[in-house]
Protein backbone atom coordinates (compact mmCIF):
# COMPACT_ATOMS: atom_id res chain seq x y z
CA MET A 1 14.25 306.20 211.16
CA ALA A 2 13.08 303.55 208.18
CA ASP A 3 9.31 303.20 210.89
CA ALA A 4 9.33 306.73 210.63
CA VAL A 5 9.53 307.26 206.81
CA ARG A 6 6.94 304.29 206.71
CA SER A 7 4.79 306.03 208.91
CA ALA A 8 4.56 309.55 207.09
CA GLN A 9 4.15 307.58 203.96
CA ASP A 10 0.94 306.10 205.24
CA LEU A 11 -0.24 309.58 206.57
CA ALA A 12 0.59 311.13 203.09
CA VAL A 13 -1.96 308.25 201.61
CA LEU A 14 -4.89 308.47 204.67
CA ALA A 15 -4.87 312.26 204.52
CA GLY A 16 -4.63 312.44 200.86
CA THR A 17 -7.36 310.36 199.84
CA ALA A 18 -10.97 310.64 200.69
CA PRO A 19 -13.02 307.93 202.02
CA ALA A 20 -15.13 306.85 199.12
CA ALA A 21 -19.01 307.78 199.13
CA GLU A 22 -18.86 308.65 202.84
CA PRO A 23 -21.93 310.44 203.26
CA GLY A 24 -22.07 313.85 204.85
CA ARG A 25 -18.53 314.24 205.04
CA ILE A 26 -18.57 317.92 204.16
CA SER A 27 -20.73 320.35 204.85
CA GLU A 28 -23.76 321.27 202.52
CA MET A 29 -22.71 324.90 202.29
CA ALA A 30 -19.01 324.10 201.72
CA ALA A 31 -19.73 320.92 199.27
CA THR A 32 -22.01 323.39 196.88
CA LEU A 33 -19.63 326.79 196.70
CA THR A 34 -18.39 327.27 193.48
CA GLY A 35 -14.87 327.91 193.40
CA SER A 36 -13.57 331.20 191.88
CA GLU A 37 -13.19 331.38 187.82
CA ILE A 38 -11.17 333.92 187.97
CA LEU A 39 -8.65 331.89 190.34
CA ARG A 40 -8.82 328.85 187.88
CA ILE A 41 -8.20 331.18 184.71
CA SER A 42 -5.17 332.91 186.43
CA GLY A 43 -3.64 329.20 187.24
CA GLU A 44 -3.92 328.70 183.12
CA VAL A 45 -2.52 332.22 182.01
CA ARG A 46 0.60 331.09 185.13
CA ALA A 47 1.21 328.27 182.99
CA MET A 48 1.27 329.82 179.54
CA VAL A 49 3.55 332.78 181.05
CA ALA A 50 5.85 329.79 182.32
CA ALA A 51 6.09 328.09 179.22
CA GLY A 52 7.71 331.30 177.40
CA ARG A 53 4.23 332.06 175.62
CA PRO A 54 3.36 335.84 175.09
CA VAL A 55 0.23 336.66 177.25
CA CYS A 56 -1.41 339.78 177.98
CA ASP A 57 -3.08 339.35 181.44
CA LEU A 58 -6.15 341.34 181.96
CA THR A 59 -7.61 338.58 184.34
CA VAL A 60 -6.95 339.41 188.55
CA GLY A 61 -8.21 342.57 189.61
CA ASP A 62 -4.94 343.15 191.02
CA PHE A 63 -1.90 345.22 190.10
CA ASN A 64 1.73 344.42 189.04
CA ALA A 65 3.78 345.84 191.85
CA ARG A 66 7.06 346.84 189.05
CA GLN A 67 4.03 348.80 187.43
CA PHE A 68 2.33 349.94 190.28
CA PRO A 69 3.78 349.86 193.54
CA ILE A 70 2.24 351.32 196.13
CA PRO A 71 2.72 355.03 197.91
CA ALA A 72 6.20 355.65 198.96
CA ALA A 73 4.70 357.33 202.10
CA LEU A 74 2.37 353.92 203.10
CA ARG A 75 5.55 351.75 202.15
CA ASP A 76 7.99 353.68 204.72
CA GLY A 77 5.42 354.26 207.25
CA ILE A 78 4.95 350.46 207.40
CA VAL A 79 8.55 349.60 207.39
CA ALA A 80 8.97 351.75 210.45
CA ALA A 81 6.08 350.52 212.55
CA LEU A 82 7.67 347.24 212.17
CA GLY A 83 10.81 348.63 213.03
CA ARG A 84 9.24 350.12 216.14
CA GLY A 85 7.83 346.52 217.04
CA GLU A 86 4.25 347.36 216.03
CA THR A 87 3.76 343.58 215.69
CA ASN A 88 1.38 342.46 218.61
CA TYR A 89 -2.46 342.21 217.94
CA PRO A 90 -4.42 345.24 216.86
CA PRO A 91 -7.88 345.61 218.59
CA SER A 92 -10.03 343.25 217.25
CA ASN A 93 -12.60 346.59 215.61
CA GLY A 94 -9.01 348.32 214.44
CA LEU A 95 -6.72 350.81 216.17
CA GLY A 96 -8.19 354.03 217.45
CA ALA A 97 -5.77 355.80 215.31
CA LEU A 98 -7.10 354.40 211.75
CA ARG A 99 -10.90 354.15 212.42
CA GLU A 100 -10.65 357.85 213.68
CA ALA A 101 -8.13 358.63 210.33
CA VAL A 102 -10.76 356.67 208.42
CA ARG A 103 -13.55 359.05 210.34
CA ARG A 104 -12.11 362.62 208.89
CA PHE A 105 -11.22 360.74 205.77
CA TYR A 106 -14.58 360.42 204.99
CA ALA A 107 -15.71 363.64 206.12
CA ARG A 108 -12.55 365.55 204.47
CA GLU A 109 -13.31 363.79 201.26
CA LEU A 110 -16.62 362.53 200.78
CA GLY A 111 -18.45 365.15 203.13
CA LEU A 112 -20.11 362.21 205.25
CA GLU A 113 -19.69 362.69 209.18
CA TYR A 114 -19.74 359.67 210.95
CA PRO A 115 -18.76 359.01 214.80
CA VAL A 116 -15.77 356.95 215.54
CA SER A 117 -17.90 354.14 216.54
CA SER A 118 -19.00 353.97 213.15
CA VAL A 119 -15.90 352.53 211.98
CA VAL A 120 -14.40 348.95 212.20
CA VAL A 121 -11.05 347.78 210.38
CA THR A 122 -10.98 344.81 208.52
CA GLY A 123 -7.96 342.63 206.87
CA GLY A 124 -8.99 343.79 203.15
CA SER A 125 -12.43 344.53 202.43
CA ARG A 126 -13.70 340.90 201.50
CA PRO A 127 -14.27 340.72 205.53
CA ALA A 128 -16.16 343.83 205.56
CA ILE A 129 -18.27 342.22 202.79
CA TYR A 130 -19.13 339.12 204.56
CA ALA A 131 -19.51 340.31 207.76
CA THR A 132 -22.33 342.67 207.06
CA TYR A 133 -23.95 339.22 205.28
CA ARG A 134 -23.67 337.80 208.11
CA THR A 135 -24.77 340.62 210.59
CA LEU A 136 -27.77 341.50 208.63
CA VAL A 137 -29.01 338.29 206.65
CA ASP A 138 -30.88 335.62 208.17
CA PRO A 139 -31.02 331.80 205.99
CA GLY A 140 -33.92 332.61 203.94
CA ASP A 141 -33.79 336.32 203.56
CA ARG A 142 -34.22 337.80 199.95
CA VAL A 143 -30.58 340.00 199.21
CA VAL A 144 -30.98 342.13 195.55
CA TYR A 145 -28.11 342.51 193.40
CA PRO A 146 -27.25 343.48 189.95
CA VAL A 147 -25.58 340.98 187.68
CA PRO A 148 -22.61 341.28 186.85
CA SER A 149 -21.35 341.88 189.89
CA TRP A 150 -18.72 340.13 191.98
CA ASN A 151 -19.53 337.69 194.17
CA ASN A 152 -22.91 338.68 195.73
CA ASN A 153 -23.63 335.24 194.63
CA HIS A 154 -20.99 333.33 196.75
CA TYR A 155 -21.97 335.73 199.59
CA VAL A 156 -25.63 334.93 199.55
CA HIS A 157 -24.90 331.35 199.64
CA LEU A 158 -22.57 331.44 202.48
CA VAL A 159 -25.06 333.02 204.79
CA GLY A 160 -27.94 330.71 203.36
CA GLY A 161 -30.04 333.74 201.70
CA VAL A 162 -32.24 334.08 198.50
CA GLY A 163 -30.54 335.45 195.69
CA VAL A 164 -32.67 337.57 193.67
CA PRO A 165 -29.97 338.90 190.43
CA VAL A 166 -31.51 341.82 188.49
CA ARG A 167 -29.59 341.19 185.08
CA CYS A 168 -28.45 344.34 183.89
CA GLY A 169 -26.92 345.13 180.12
CA PRO A 170 -24.48 347.31 178.15
CA GLU A 171 -27.48 350.09 177.59
CA GLU A 172 -27.71 350.89 181.91
CA ARG A 173 -23.74 350.64 181.78
CA PHE A 174 -24.29 347.08 183.61
CA LEU A 175 -25.74 348.52 186.52
CA PRO A 176 -29.41 348.88 187.89
CA GLY A 177 -31.47 351.68 187.71
CA PRO A 178 -34.75 352.43 189.80
CA ASP A 179 -37.24 350.69 187.21
CA ASP A 180 -35.17 347.22 187.64
CA LEU A 181 -35.21 347.43 191.10
CA ARG A 182 -38.64 349.06 192.27
CA PRO A 183 -40.78 345.67 191.71
CA LEU A 184 -37.85 343.69 193.74
CA LEU A 185 -37.30 345.26 197.03
CA ALA A 186 -40.80 344.86 198.70
CA GLY A 187 -39.63 341.75 201.57
CA ALA A 188 -35.74 342.30 200.62
CA ARG A 189 -33.45 342.34 203.13
CA LEU A 190 -30.42 343.56 201.88
CA LEU A 191 -29.86 345.30 198.36
CA ALA A 192 -26.02 344.93 197.44
CA LEU A 193 -24.73 347.72 195.41
CA ASN A 194 -21.27 348.35 193.79
CA SER A 195 -20.07 351.73 192.08
CA PRO A 196 -17.79 352.09 190.34
CA LEU A 197 -18.45 348.68 189.26
CA ASN A 198 -16.54 345.42 189.21
CA PRO A 199 -16.51 344.08 186.10
CA ALA A 200 -17.42 346.68 184.01
CA GLY A 201 -15.61 350.06 185.35
CA THR A 202 -18.74 351.89 185.36
CA ALA A 203 -20.45 354.12 187.84
CA PHE A 204 -23.50 355.82 189.14
CA ASP A 205 -25.11 359.05 187.85
CA VAL A 206 -26.61 361.09 190.41
CA PRO A 207 -30.17 360.41 189.06
CA ALA A 208 -29.97 356.44 188.61
CA LEU A 209 -28.90 356.49 192.46
CA GLU A 210 -31.13 359.18 194.04
CA GLY A 211 -33.98 357.04 192.43
CA ILE A 212 -32.51 354.32 194.22
CA CYS A 213 -32.34 355.95 197.11
CA ASP A 214 -35.68 357.43 197.06
CA LEU A 215 -37.25 353.39 197.00
CA VAL A 216 -35.53 352.44 199.72
CA VAL A 217 -36.23 355.56 201.91
CA ALA A 218 -40.02 354.57 200.38
CA GLU A 219 -39.73 350.74 201.42
CA ASN A 220 -38.37 351.57 204.75
CA ALA A 221 -41.17 354.11 205.49
CA ALA A 222 -44.00 351.75 204.44
CA ARG A 223 -42.17 348.79 206.77
CA ALA A 224 -41.83 350.82 209.46
CA ARG A 225 -45.38 351.25 210.07
CA ARG A 226 -45.99 347.88 209.75
CA GLY A 227 -43.40 346.68 212.13
CA GLU A 228 -41.26 345.25 209.85
CA ARG A 229 -37.80 344.60 209.51
CA ARG A 230 -35.84 347.38 207.40
CA LEU A 231 -34.16 347.07 203.99
CA PHE A 232 -30.69 347.65 204.30
CA VAL A 233 -27.83 348.85 201.42
CA MET A 234 -24.41 347.51 201.20
CA TYR A 235 -22.48 349.97 199.27
CA ASP A 236 -19.41 349.08 198.16
CA GLN A 237 -16.99 352.08 197.08
CA VAL A 238 -13.78 350.33 197.42
CA TYR A 239 -12.96 351.58 193.73
CA TRP A 240 -14.70 355.28 194.13
CA MET A 241 -10.99 357.08 194.46
CA LEU A 242 -10.41 355.95 190.73
CA CYS A 243 -12.94 357.67 188.71
CA PHE A 244 -12.25 359.45 185.58
CA GLY A 245 -13.33 360.72 182.35
CA GLY A 246 -16.02 363.59 183.95
CA THR A 247 -16.93 360.89 186.63
CA THR A 248 -18.17 362.02 190.01
CA HIS A 249 -18.89 359.45 192.74
CA VAL A 250 -21.69 359.55 194.27
CA THR A 251 -23.18 357.95 197.59
CA PRO A 252 -26.43 356.96 198.95
CA VAL A 253 -26.24 358.58 202.56
CA GLY A 254 -24.37 361.54 200.46
CA LEU A 255 -27.79 362.20 198.54
CA ARG A 256 -30.64 360.89 201.11
CA PRO A 257 -28.46 361.05 204.70
CA GLU A 258 -32.16 359.22 206.08
CA LEU A 259 -30.57 356.46 204.78
CA ALA A 260 -27.75 356.64 207.32
CA PRO A 261 -29.32 353.82 209.50
CA TYR A 262 -29.52 351.51 206.77
CA THR A 263 -26.56 351.86 204.70
CA VAL A 264 -22.86 349.81 205.24
CA PHE A 265 -19.82 351.40 203.28
CA VAL A 266 -17.21 349.02 201.86
CA ASP A 267 -14.11 350.19 201.56
CA GLY A 268 -10.39 350.06 201.85
CA ILE A 269 -6.81 351.00 200.38
CA SER A 270 -6.30 347.69 198.40
CA LYS A 271 -7.40 349.65 194.99
CA ALA A 272 -7.18 353.14 195.87
CA PHE A 273 -3.60 352.31 196.36
CA ALA A 274 -2.27 349.79 194.58
CA ALA A 275 -1.82 347.79 198.00
CA THR A 276 -4.49 344.73 197.44
CA GLY A 277 -1.61 342.74 199.48
CA VAL A 278 -1.18 345.32 202.52
CA ARG A 279 -4.46 344.08 203.76
CA VAL A 280 -6.33 346.95 205.40
CA GLY A 281 -10.25 347.39 205.15
CA TRP A 282 -13.19 349.51 206.67
CA ALA A 283 -16.87 349.15 206.69
CA VAL A 284 -18.48 352.60 207.77
CA GLY A 285 -22.07 352.48 208.77
CA PRO A 286 -24.70 352.62 211.72
CA ALA A 287 -22.65 352.04 215.11
CA ASP A 288 -24.98 349.63 216.41
CA VAL A 289 -24.54 347.35 212.87
CA VAL A 290 -21.24 348.03 212.90
CA ALA A 291 -20.94 346.79 216.48
CA ARG A 292 -22.32 343.26 215.47
CA MET A 293 -20.28 343.22 212.79
CA SER A 294 -17.18 343.97 215.01
CA ALA A 295 -18.19 340.83 217.03
CA VAL A 296 -18.16 338.69 213.93
CA LEU A 297 -14.87 339.85 212.81
CA GLY A 298 -13.28 339.24 216.29
CA HIS A 299 -14.29 335.76 216.38
CA MET A 300 -13.05 335.35 212.82
CA GLY A 301 -9.66 337.11 213.17
CA ALA A 302 -10.42 339.16 210.34
CA TRP A 303 -8.03 342.30 211.50
CA ALA A 304 -5.84 343.98 209.30
CA PRO A 305 -2.00 343.84 210.56
CA ARG A 306 -0.86 346.14 213.09
CA ALA A 307 2.06 347.93 211.30
CA GLU A 308 0.09 348.14 208.06
CA GLN A 309 -2.48 349.54 210.11
CA VAL A 310 -0.33 352.36 211.71
CA ALA A 311 0.67 353.54 208.29
CA THR A 312 -2.77 353.85 206.89
CA ALA A 313 -3.47 355.73 209.57
CA ALA A 314 -0.92 358.10 208.88
CA PHE A 315 -1.41 357.84 205.38
CA LEU A 316 -4.63 358.90 205.19
CA GLU A 317 -4.56 362.07 207.45
CA ASP A 318 -1.70 363.27 204.74
CA GLY A 319 -3.92 364.61 201.82
CA ALA A 320 -1.00 366.06 200.07
CA ALA A 321 0.81 362.46 199.73
CA ILE A 322 -2.75 360.99 198.47
CA ARG A 323 -3.11 363.40 195.68
CA ALA A 324 0.58 363.62 194.43
CA PHE A 325 0.18 359.62 194.34
CA HIS A 326 -3.25 359.43 192.27
CA ALA A 327 -1.94 362.06 189.96
CA LYS A 328 0.19 359.66 188.52
CA PHE A 329 -1.85 356.60 189.54
CA ILE A 330 -4.99 357.77 188.14
CA HIS A 331 -3.28 359.14 184.82
CA ALA A 332 -1.72 355.46 184.23
CA VAL A 333 -4.82 353.48 184.75
CA GLN A 334 -6.91 355.62 182.88
CA GLY A 335 -4.41 355.41 180.03
CA ARG A 336 -4.48 351.82 179.83
CA LEU A 337 -8.04 351.32 179.82
CA ASP A 338 -8.34 354.22 177.23
CA ARG A 339 -6.22 352.31 174.61
CA LEU A 340 -7.89 349.38 175.01
CA HIS A 341 -11.07 350.95 174.67
CA ARG A 342 -9.57 352.95 171.38
CA GLY A 343 -8.33 349.82 170.24
CA LEU A 344 -11.53 347.84 170.50
CA GLN A 345 -13.55 350.40 169.09
CA ALA A 346 -11.01 350.82 166.17
CA LEU A 347 -11.80 346.73 165.44
CA ALA A 348 -15.39 347.58 165.68
CA ALA A 349 -15.37 349.73 163.18
CA ASP A 350 -13.45 347.36 160.71
CA GLY A 351 -16.09 345.29 161.03
CA PHE A 352 -14.89 343.06 163.48
CA PRO A 353 -17.27 341.72 166.23
CA VAL A 354 -16.18 343.52 169.22
CA ALA A 355 -17.55 346.46 171.30
CA SER A 356 -16.76 347.86 174.80
CA THR A 357 -18.23 350.58 177.11
CA PRO A 358 -16.21 353.80 177.95
CA PRO A 359 -14.23 353.27 181.23
CA MET A 360 -15.61 355.07 183.84
CA GLY A 361 -13.48 354.23 187.21
CA ALA A 362 -12.06 351.71 188.36
CA ILE A 363 -9.66 349.34 186.80
CA TYR A 364 -11.60 347.17 184.46
CA LEU A 365 -13.29 347.75 180.72
CA ALA A 366 -16.71 345.80 179.73
CA ALA A 367 -15.47 344.47 176.66
CA ARG A 368 -17.60 342.41 173.92
CA ILE A 369 -16.06 340.05 171.60
CA HIS A 370 -18.65 337.83 169.98
CA PRO A 371 -17.38 335.83 166.97
CA PHE A 372 -20.13 333.39 167.65
CA GLY A 373 -20.82 330.80 164.90
CA LYS A 374 -17.34 331.43 163.30
CA ARG A 375 -14.73 328.52 163.38
CA THR A 376 -11.12 328.62 164.45
CA PRO A 377 -8.18 327.72 161.98
CA ALA A 378 -8.33 324.23 163.70
CA GLY A 379 -12.25 324.04 162.60
CA ARG A 380 -13.43 324.24 165.98
CA GLU A 381 -16.99 326.08 166.37
CA LEU A 382 -17.26 328.95 168.68
CA ALA A 383 -20.36 328.77 170.77
CA THR A 384 -19.94 330.21 173.86
CA ASN A 385 -18.17 332.54 176.14
CA GLU A 386 -15.68 329.61 176.87
CA ASP A 387 -14.94 328.90 173.65
CA VAL A 388 -14.15 332.67 172.72
CA ARG A 389 -12.02 332.68 175.57
CA GLN A 390 -9.97 329.78 174.95
CA TYR A 391 -9.46 330.99 171.54
CA LEU A 392 -7.91 334.20 172.47
CA LEU A 393 -5.67 333.09 174.87
CA GLU A 394 -4.24 330.54 172.65
CA ARG A 395 -4.46 332.55 169.57
CA ALA A 396 -3.84 336.28 170.39
CA GLY A 397 -2.12 335.29 174.14
CA LEU A 398 -5.33 337.81 175.40
CA ALA A 399 -6.15 336.62 178.81
CA VAL A 400 -9.77 337.81 180.05
CA VAL A 401 -12.42 336.78 182.10
CA PRO A 402 -15.98 336.22 180.84
CA PHE A 403 -18.97 337.60 183.21
CA GLN A 404 -20.50 334.24 184.09
CA ALA A 405 -17.53 334.70 186.74
CA PHE A 406 -19.81 337.26 188.21
CA GLY A 407 -23.17 335.84 188.20
CA SER A 408 -24.06 336.29 184.50
CA THR A 409 -25.47 333.16 182.81
CA GLU A 410 -25.95 334.92 179.18
CA GLU A 411 -23.50 333.48 176.24
CA ASP A 412 -23.65 337.06 174.85
CA GLY A 413 -19.61 337.62 174.33
CA TRP A 414 -19.25 340.04 177.39
CA PHE A 415 -15.82 339.90 179.21
CA ARG A 416 -13.98 341.83 182.16
CA LEU A 417 -10.39 342.87 181.03
CA SER A 418 -8.42 344.13 183.94
CA VAL A 419 -5.44 346.57 183.75
CA GLY A 420 -3.86 346.58 186.65
CA ALA A 421 -1.25 343.91 185.78
CA ALA A 422 -0.50 344.94 181.98
CA SER A 423 1.96 347.54 181.16
CA GLU A 424 1.00 349.84 178.25
CA GLU A 425 3.74 348.07 175.98
CA GLU A 426 1.64 345.06 176.26
CA ILE A 427 -1.09 346.20 175.60
CA ALA A 428 0.06 348.31 172.69
CA ALA A 429 1.40 344.59 171.60
CA LEU A 430 -1.87 342.93 172.17
CA LEU A 431 -4.14 344.81 169.84
CA PRO A 432 -2.45 343.43 166.38
CA ARG A 433 -2.66 339.96 167.91
CA LEU A 434 -6.28 340.34 168.49
CA ARG A 435 -6.96 341.58 165.29
CA GLU A 436 -4.80 338.41 163.36
CA ALA A 437 -6.98 336.23 165.64
CA LEU A 438 -10.27 337.18 164.77
CA ALA A 439 -9.33 337.92 161.20
CA ALA A 440 -8.10 334.43 160.91
CA LEU A 441 -11.69 332.91 162.09
CA ALA A 442 -14.03 331.92 159.20
C-alpha cells in the first residue's frame, strides 16, 4: 500500500510539472491560441459570489435555469426518450427525424425550402461553426468578419486562416455595411456574419443585408468568369427567434436565393429556448458542403445526445408550444434589456459618462461606460476598459465583459451586458450601485 501511495505521488509530480524549456512540446497552434476572456472574468465573479458579495452577473451568454427554464414540452420529451432507452449513438449527421424537423421548421418559420440533405445536427452550435471553417477555409485563406463579434478570431486561428477584421462602431449598430465590406471581399474565402449580434444585441435590416448580399453575388459572378473559388457566407443566426422592438429577422438566402449554394446557416436551440446545456445545434447549407461538414463532425464525435435529438425533433414540430414559450420568454428577456437601457440612459441624462444602444435582439445590451481619466476613491486612475471593468465589479458589483473579448482593440469603454443569468430584481438593485460608483470618481 505504501508503495502504491508513493507511486501515485510521484505520478502527480511528473504529470503536474511540465519539463522546463522543452522545445515544441505543444503545437504552435495550441501554444498561440488565447483562452476565453469571458471564462476568466466569470471565475472572478464566482469567487466574489462565494464570498457573499452582491454581484449582478451580466457576463455569460447563458441562462439561469431558475429564471429561464427550458420549455416543459422539451424537458418532458427528453425524460421520456431516456425512459424509452434512447441512449445509444445517434447517426453522426443527426437523427433523420430531427433533420426533417429542422427542414420543415425553416420552411414554416423562415420561408427557406431546403432538402433534408442540407441539414446536419451538431452538439450545440459551436461545432457547426468549427465545421464550417474547417470545411471551407484552407490555411492562408482570408476570412472577413466584423469586430466586435464572437470568436471569429479564434476560429480563424484554429484553421490557419488569415483574419480580416472589420471594425464596426455604434453608428452602424456594430454591424458591417456594404461600404465597409466592398474593398475587402476580393480574394476572401469566407464572410462571417451574425444577426442578432453577439455581443451588441443588434440586427441587420433589409437594406444593409441586401447590399452585402449583392456584393457577394457580384463577387462570385466575377470569380465564375475567371474560374476561381467562390466566396461563402457563414450566417450565424442562433439568436434569430429572439428579436423584438420591431426588429424582423432577415437572411441572405431569403433576400437573394441565388446565394443558397454559398451560404451556411448556423443555428440551434441553445439561445432560442434557454437550452444551452441541452447541446442541440445544426447547420443548414448546400448539400455538398454539408456532406463534408458531416464527415468532419463524425470524426470529432461532435453529435448531440440521442434523447435530446428525439425531444427536439418533436418540439420543433409543435408550433403552438413554441409560440406559448416565446410569449413569456421573449417578454422577460426584453424587459430586462429595456430596464438596463433605460437605467443607463437616465445616468447619461444626468451627465454620467455612459451610453447604450437600443436592444434589438439576443440577450445582450451594448453599453459604453467611459470615465477615463477619473480616479477611484483609492486614487487609481481609470485608463483602460479593464480598469473600468475591475472598478465596476469591485465598487458596484457589476460584472460585464469588455469588447476586447470579441476581437476589439480600442480602449473606448464598450462592454457587453448579458441578461440571461440576472433577475429583474438584481438589475433594479444594480442601477443605484452603479450611480454611486460613478459619482464616487474624482
